[in-house]
Amino acid sequence: MSAVVGALLLLAGCASGGRPNPDAIFRHPTTGDVQWCDKGSVAAAALGGALVAASQGADYAGCKTGWETKGYARLDSTAKLSPEDQQRYEADLERSAKERADSIRPK
């Protein structure tokens, strides 16, 4: 099963046509700290159905609200991450993919 999920994640990454970008980028006006939120994997939603899609939507909404509550401002949809933040983001994606694969791997 993890091979199927891995293949779907790889295909989703290839279909994007470049470096991955977060769905929402936030910057703190005082510190300049940058954070982000993602809607979730299309592949996971397709495999998991409506319950997974609903859960991912709730997680995304909660993520955005959480950063805004902490004083972060959402940047417009054309915003790009700095090279350093892009590296952090891609490392986060890799860590999340590994955690997801480990969670479904038989113990």
N, C-alpha and C. Protein backbone atom coordinates (compact mmCIF):
# COMPACT_ATOMS: atom_id res chain seq x y z
N MET A 1 0.83 -1.19 0.00
CA MET A 1 0.00 0.00 0.00
C MET A 1 0.87 1.25 0.00
N SER A 2 1.96 1.28 0.78
CA SER A 2 2.79 2.48 0.84
C SER A 2 3.44 2.75 -0.52
N ALA A 3 3.68 1.73 -1.30
CA ALA A 3 4.25 1.93 -2.64
C ALA A 3 3.25 2.67 -3.52
N VAL A 4 1.96 2.35 -3.36
CA VAL A 4 0.92 3.02 -4.14
C VAL A 4 0.84 4.49 -3.73
N VAL A 5 0.84 4.75 -2.42
CA VAL A 5 0.78 6.13 -1.93
C VAL A 5 2.01 6.89 -2.39
N GLY A 6 3.18 6.28 -2.31
CA GLY A 6 4.41 6.92 -2.75
C GLY A 6 4.37 7.26 -4.23
N ALA A 7 3.86 6.35 -5.03
CA ALA A 7 3.77 6.59 -6.47
C ALA A 7 2.80 7.73 -6.76
N LEU A 8 1.68 7.76 -6.04
CA LEU A 8 0.72 8.85 -6.25
C LEU A 8 1.29 10.19 -5.83
N LEU A 9 2.04 10.21 -4.72
CA LEU A 9 2.67 11.45 -4.29
C LEU A 9 3.71 11.92 -5.30
N LEU A 10 4.45 10.97 -5.85
CA LEU A 10 5.45 11.31 -6.86
C LEU A 10 4.76 11.88 -8.10
N LEU A 11 3.68 11.24 -8.54
CA LEU A 11 2.95 11.73 -9.70
C LEU A 11 2.36 13.11 -9.43
N ALA A 12 1.85 13.33 -8.24
CA ALA A 12 1.29 14.65 -7.91
C ALA A 12 2.38 15.70 -7.96
N GLY A 13 3.57 15.38 -7.50
CA GLY A 13 4.69 16.31 -7.54
C GLY A 13 5.14 16.58 -8.96
N CYS A 14 5.16 15.56 -9.80
CA CYS A 14 5.56 15.74 -11.19
C CYS A 14 4.54 16.56 -11.96
N ALA A 15 3.29 16.39 -11.64
CA ALA A 15 2.24 17.11 -12.35
C ALA A 15 2.27 18.59 -12.06
N SER A 16 2.88 18.98 -10.94
CA SER A 16 2.88 20.39 -10.58
C SER A 16 3.81 21.21 -11.46
N GLY A 17 4.77 20.57 -12.12
CA GLY A 17 5.62 21.26 -13.06
C GLY A 17 6.69 22.13 -12.45
N GLY A 18 7.17 21.84 -11.29
CA GLY A 18 8.23 22.63 -10.70
C GLY A 18 8.31 22.43 -9.20
N ARG A 19 8.95 23.40 -8.58
CA ARG A 19 9.10 23.32 -7.13
C ARG A 19 7.74 23.46 -6.45
N PRO A 20 7.53 22.71 -5.38
CA PRO A 20 6.26 22.81 -4.69
C PRO A 20 6.12 24.18 -4.00
N ASN A 21 4.92 24.67 -3.93
CA ASN A 21 4.63 25.93 -3.26
C ASN A 21 3.49 25.73 -2.27
N PRO A 22 3.55 26.40 -1.14
CA PRO A 22 2.44 26.29 -0.19
C PRO A 22 1.18 26.95 -0.74
N ASP A 23 0.04 26.51 -0.24
CA ASP A 23 -1.23 27.08 -0.68
C ASP A 23 -1.49 28.46 -0.06
N ALA A 24 -0.94 28.70 1.12
CA ALA A 24 -1.09 30.01 1.78
C ALA A 24 0.22 30.31 2.50
N ILE A 25 0.72 31.53 2.31
CA ILE A 25 1.97 31.97 2.95
C ILE A 25 1.64 33.13 3.88
N PHE A 26 2.22 33.09 5.08
CA PHE A 26 1.99 34.11 6.09
C PHE A 26 3.32 34.70 6.54
N ARG A 27 3.32 36.00 6.83
CA ARG A 27 4.52 36.67 7.36
C ARG A 27 4.11 37.48 8.59
N HIS A 28 4.95 37.39 9.62
CA HIS A 28 4.70 38.17 10.82
C HIS A 28 5.20 39.59 10.57
N PRO A 29 4.36 40.62 10.79
CA PRO A 29 4.75 41.99 10.46
C PRO A 29 5.90 42.54 11.31
N THR A 30 6.09 42.01 12.50
CA THR A 30 7.15 42.51 13.38
C THR A 30 8.45 41.73 13.22
N THR A 31 8.34 40.41 13.25
CA THR A 31 9.54 39.57 13.23
C THR A 31 9.99 39.21 11.81
N GLY A 32 9.06 39.27 10.85
CA GLY A 32 9.38 38.85 9.49
C GLY A 32 9.36 37.35 9.30
N ASP A 33 9.04 36.61 10.36
CA ASP A 33 8.98 35.15 10.29
C ASP A 33 7.94 34.73 9.25
N VAL A 34 8.26 33.70 8.48
CA VAL A 34 7.36 33.20 7.43
C VAL A 34 6.89 31.79 7.79
N GLN A 35 5.59 31.57 7.64
CA GLN A 35 4.98 30.26 7.86
C GLN A 35 4.02 30.00 6.71
N TRP A 36 3.45 28.79 6.65
CA TRP A 36 2.58 28.44 5.54
C TRP A 36 1.57 27.39 5.94
N CYS A 37 0.58 27.22 5.08
CA CYS A 37 -0.44 26.19 5.24
C CYS A 37 -0.66 25.53 3.88
N ASP A 38 -0.96 24.25 3.89
CA ASP A 38 -1.26 23.51 2.67
C ASP A 38 -2.63 22.88 2.80
N LYS A 39 -3.30 22.75 1.66
CA LYS A 39 -4.64 22.16 1.62
C LYS A 39 -4.60 20.66 1.83
N GLY A 40 -3.50 20.03 1.54
CA GLY A 40 -3.39 18.58 1.68
C GLY A 40 -3.22 17.92 0.33
N SER A 41 -2.92 16.68 0.37
CA SER A 41 -2.62 15.90 -0.82
C SER A 41 -3.88 15.51 -1.58
N VAL A 42 -3.92 15.81 -2.85
CA VAL A 42 -5.02 15.40 -3.71
C VAL A 42 -5.07 13.88 -3.77
N ALA A 43 -3.90 13.26 -3.82
CA ALA A 43 -3.84 11.80 -3.88
C ALA A 43 -4.45 11.18 -2.63
N ALA A 44 -4.13 11.72 -1.47
CA ALA A 44 -4.68 11.19 -0.22
C ALA A 44 -6.20 11.36 -0.18
N ALA A 45 -6.67 12.52 -0.63
CA ALA A 45 -8.12 12.76 -0.65
C ALA A 45 -8.80 11.79 -1.62
N ALA A 46 -8.17 11.53 -2.76
CA ALA A 46 -8.75 10.62 -3.74
C ALA A 46 -8.81 9.20 -3.18
N LEU A 47 -7.75 8.79 -2.50
CA LEU A 47 -7.72 7.44 -1.93
C LEU A 47 -8.65 7.32 -0.72
N GLY A 48 -8.72 8.38 0.09
CA GLY A 48 -9.47 8.32 1.34
C GLY A 48 -10.92 8.73 1.22
N GLY A 49 -11.28 9.39 0.14
CA GLY A 49 -12.65 9.78 -0.07
C GLY A 49 -13.05 11.05 0.67
N ALA A 50 -14.35 11.19 0.85
CA ALA A 50 -14.93 12.42 1.40
C ALA A 50 -14.45 12.71 2.82
N LEU A 51 -14.29 11.68 3.64
CA LEU A 51 -13.86 11.91 5.02
C LEU A 51 -12.46 12.51 5.07
N VAL A 52 -11.55 12.01 4.26
CA VAL A 52 -10.18 12.54 4.22
C VAL A 52 -10.19 13.95 3.67
N ALA A 53 -10.95 14.19 2.61
CA ALA A 53 -11.03 15.53 2.02
C ALA A 53 -11.58 16.53 3.02
N ALA A 54 -12.61 16.16 3.76
CA ALA A 54 -13.20 17.05 4.77
C ALA A 54 -12.21 17.33 5.89
N SER A 55 -11.50 16.30 6.29
CA SER A 55 -10.50 16.47 7.35
C SER A 55 -9.38 17.41 6.90
N GLN A 56 -8.93 17.24 5.66
CA GLN A 56 -7.88 18.10 5.14
C GLN A 56 -8.37 19.55 5.05
N GLY A 57 -9.61 19.75 4.65
CA GLY A 57 -10.17 21.10 4.58
C GLY A 57 -10.22 21.76 5.95
N ALA A 58 -10.61 20.98 6.94
CA ALA A 58 -10.67 21.51 8.31
C ALA A 58 -9.27 21.83 8.83
N ASP A 59 -8.30 20.97 8.51
CA ASP A 59 -6.91 21.22 8.93
C ASP A 59 -6.38 22.50 8.29
N TYR A 60 -6.67 22.70 7.01
CA TYR A 60 -6.21 23.88 6.28
C TYR A 60 -6.82 25.15 6.88
N ALA A 61 -8.13 25.11 7.13
CA ALA A 61 -8.80 26.27 7.73
C ALA A 61 -8.25 26.56 9.12
N GLY A 62 -8.02 25.52 9.90
CA GLY A 62 -7.46 25.69 11.24
C GLY A 62 -6.05 26.24 11.21
N CYS A 63 -5.27 25.81 10.24
CA CYS A 63 -3.89 26.29 10.08
C CYS A 63 -3.91 27.79 9.80
N LYS A 64 -4.74 28.21 8.84
CA LYS A 64 -4.80 29.63 8.47
C LYS A 64 -5.25 30.47 9.66
N THR A 65 -6.29 30.03 10.35
CA THR A 65 -6.80 30.76 11.50
C THR A 65 -5.74 30.84 12.59
N GLY A 66 -5.01 29.75 12.78
CA GLY A 66 -3.97 29.73 13.81
C GLY A 66 -2.90 30.78 13.57
N TRP A 67 -2.40 30.90 12.34
CA TRP A 67 -1.37 31.90 12.05
C TRP A 67 -1.92 33.31 12.15
N GLU A 68 -3.15 33.52 11.68
CA GLU A 68 -3.76 34.85 11.77
C GLU A 68 -3.98 35.25 13.22
N THR A 69 -4.37 34.31 14.06
CA THR A 69 -4.56 34.58 15.49
C THR A 69 -3.25 35.00 16.16
N LYS A 70 -2.14 34.48 15.65
CA LYS A 70 -0.82 34.81 16.20
C LYS A 70 -0.25 36.10 15.60
N GLY A 71 -1.05 36.80 14.80
CA GLY A 71 -0.62 38.08 14.26
C GLY A 71 0.03 38.03 12.89
N TYR A 72 0.05 36.88 12.25
CA TYR A 72 0.64 36.75 10.92
C TYR A 72 -0.34 37.28 9.88
N ALA A 73 0.19 37.90 8.85
CA ALA A 73 -0.63 38.39 7.74
C ALA A 73 -0.46 37.47 6.54
N ARG A 74 -1.56 37.14 5.92
CA ARG A 74 -1.50 36.29 4.73
C ARG A 74 -1.02 37.12 3.54
N LEU A 75 -0.06 36.57 2.80
CA LEU A 75 0.45 37.24 1.60
C LEU A 75 -0.44 36.88 0.42
N ASP A 76 -0.38 37.68 -0.63
CA ASP A 76 -1.24 37.40 -1.79
C ASP A 76 -0.81 36.11 -2.49
N SER A 77 -1.64 35.64 -3.38
CA SER A 77 -1.44 34.33 -4.00
C SER A 77 -0.22 34.28 -4.93
N THR A 78 0.35 35.40 -5.27
CA THR A 78 1.54 35.41 -6.14
C THR A 78 2.84 35.38 -5.33
N ALA A 79 2.74 35.43 -4.01
CA ALA A 79 3.93 35.45 -3.15
C ALA A 79 4.74 34.17 -3.31
N LYS A 80 6.05 34.30 -3.27
CA LYS A 80 6.96 33.16 -3.35
C LYS A 80 7.82 33.15 -2.09
N LEU A 81 8.27 31.98 -1.73
CA LEU A 81 9.15 31.83 -0.57
C LEU A 81 10.58 32.24 -0.94
N SER A 82 11.31 32.74 0.04
CA SER A 82 12.73 33.01 -0.16
C SER A 82 13.43 31.66 -0.34
N PRO A 83 14.65 31.62 -0.87
CA PRO A 83 15.36 30.34 -1.01
C PRO A 83 15.47 29.57 0.31
N GLU A 84 15.72 30.28 1.40
CA GLU A 84 15.85 29.62 2.71
C GLU A 84 14.51 29.04 3.15
N ASP A 85 13.45 29.83 3.00
CA ASP A 85 12.12 29.34 3.38
C ASP A 85 11.67 28.20 2.47
N GLN A 86 12.04 28.26 1.20
CA GLN A 86 11.71 27.19 0.26
C GLN A 86 12.37 25.89 0.71
N GLN A 87 13.61 25.96 1.17
CA GLN A 87 14.30 24.76 1.68
C GLN A 87 13.57 24.21 2.90
N ARG A 88 13.16 25.10 3.82
CA ARG A 88 12.41 24.66 5.01
C ARG A 88 11.11 24.00 4.60
N TYR A 89 10.41 24.61 3.64
CA TYR A 89 9.14 24.08 3.18
C TYR A 89 9.31 22.68 2.57
N GLU A 90 10.30 22.54 1.70
CA GLU A 90 10.52 21.23 1.07
C GLU A 90 10.94 20.18 2.09
N ALA A 91 11.71 20.57 3.09
CA ALA A 91 12.09 19.65 4.17
C ALA A 91 10.83 19.23 4.95
N ASP A 92 9.93 20.19 5.18
CA ASP A 92 8.66 19.88 5.85
C ASP A 92 7.84 18.88 5.04
N LEU A 93 7.78 19.09 3.73
CA LEU A 93 7.04 18.16 2.86
C LEU A 93 7.62 16.76 2.92
N GLU A 94 8.95 16.67 2.87
CA GLU A 94 9.60 15.35 2.94
C GLU A 94 9.31 14.68 4.27
N ARG A 95 9.40 15.44 5.37
CA ARG A 95 9.15 14.89 6.70
C ARG A 95 7.69 14.41 6.80
N SER A 96 6.76 15.21 6.28
CA SER A 96 5.34 14.83 6.31
C SER A 96 5.07 13.58 5.49
N ALA A 97 5.68 13.49 4.31
CA ALA A 97 5.50 12.31 3.47
C ALA A 97 6.05 11.06 4.16
N LYS A 98 7.19 11.19 4.82
CA LYS A 98 7.77 10.06 5.55
C LYS A 98 6.87 9.64 6.71
N GLU A 99 6.37 10.62 7.46
CA GLU A 99 5.47 10.32 8.58
C GLU A 99 4.20 9.63 8.08
N ARG A 100 3.67 10.11 6.96
CA ARG A 100 2.46 9.51 6.39
C ARG A 100 2.74 8.07 5.96
N ALA A 101 3.87 7.85 5.29
CA ALA A 101 4.22 6.50 4.84
C ALA A 101 4.44 5.59 6.04
N ASP A 102 5.13 6.09 7.07
CA ASP A 102 5.37 5.28 8.27
C ASP A 102 4.07 4.95 8.99
N SER A 103 3.09 5.85 8.94
CA SER A 103 1.84 5.62 9.65
C SER A 103 0.99 4.52 9.03
N ILE A 104 1.17 4.28 7.73
CA ILE A 104 0.37 3.23 7.08
C ILE A 104 1.16 1.94 6.85
N ARG A 105 2.44 1.98 7.14
CA ARG A 105 3.28 0.79 6.98
C ARG A 105 2.96 -0.22 8.08
N PRO A 106 2.79 -1.48 7.73
CA PRO A 106 2.51 -2.50 8.76
C PRO A 106 3.66 -2.55 9.78
N LYS A 107 3.27 -2.73 11.01
CA LYS A 107 4.27 -2.76 12.09
C LYS A 107 4.66 -4.17 12.42
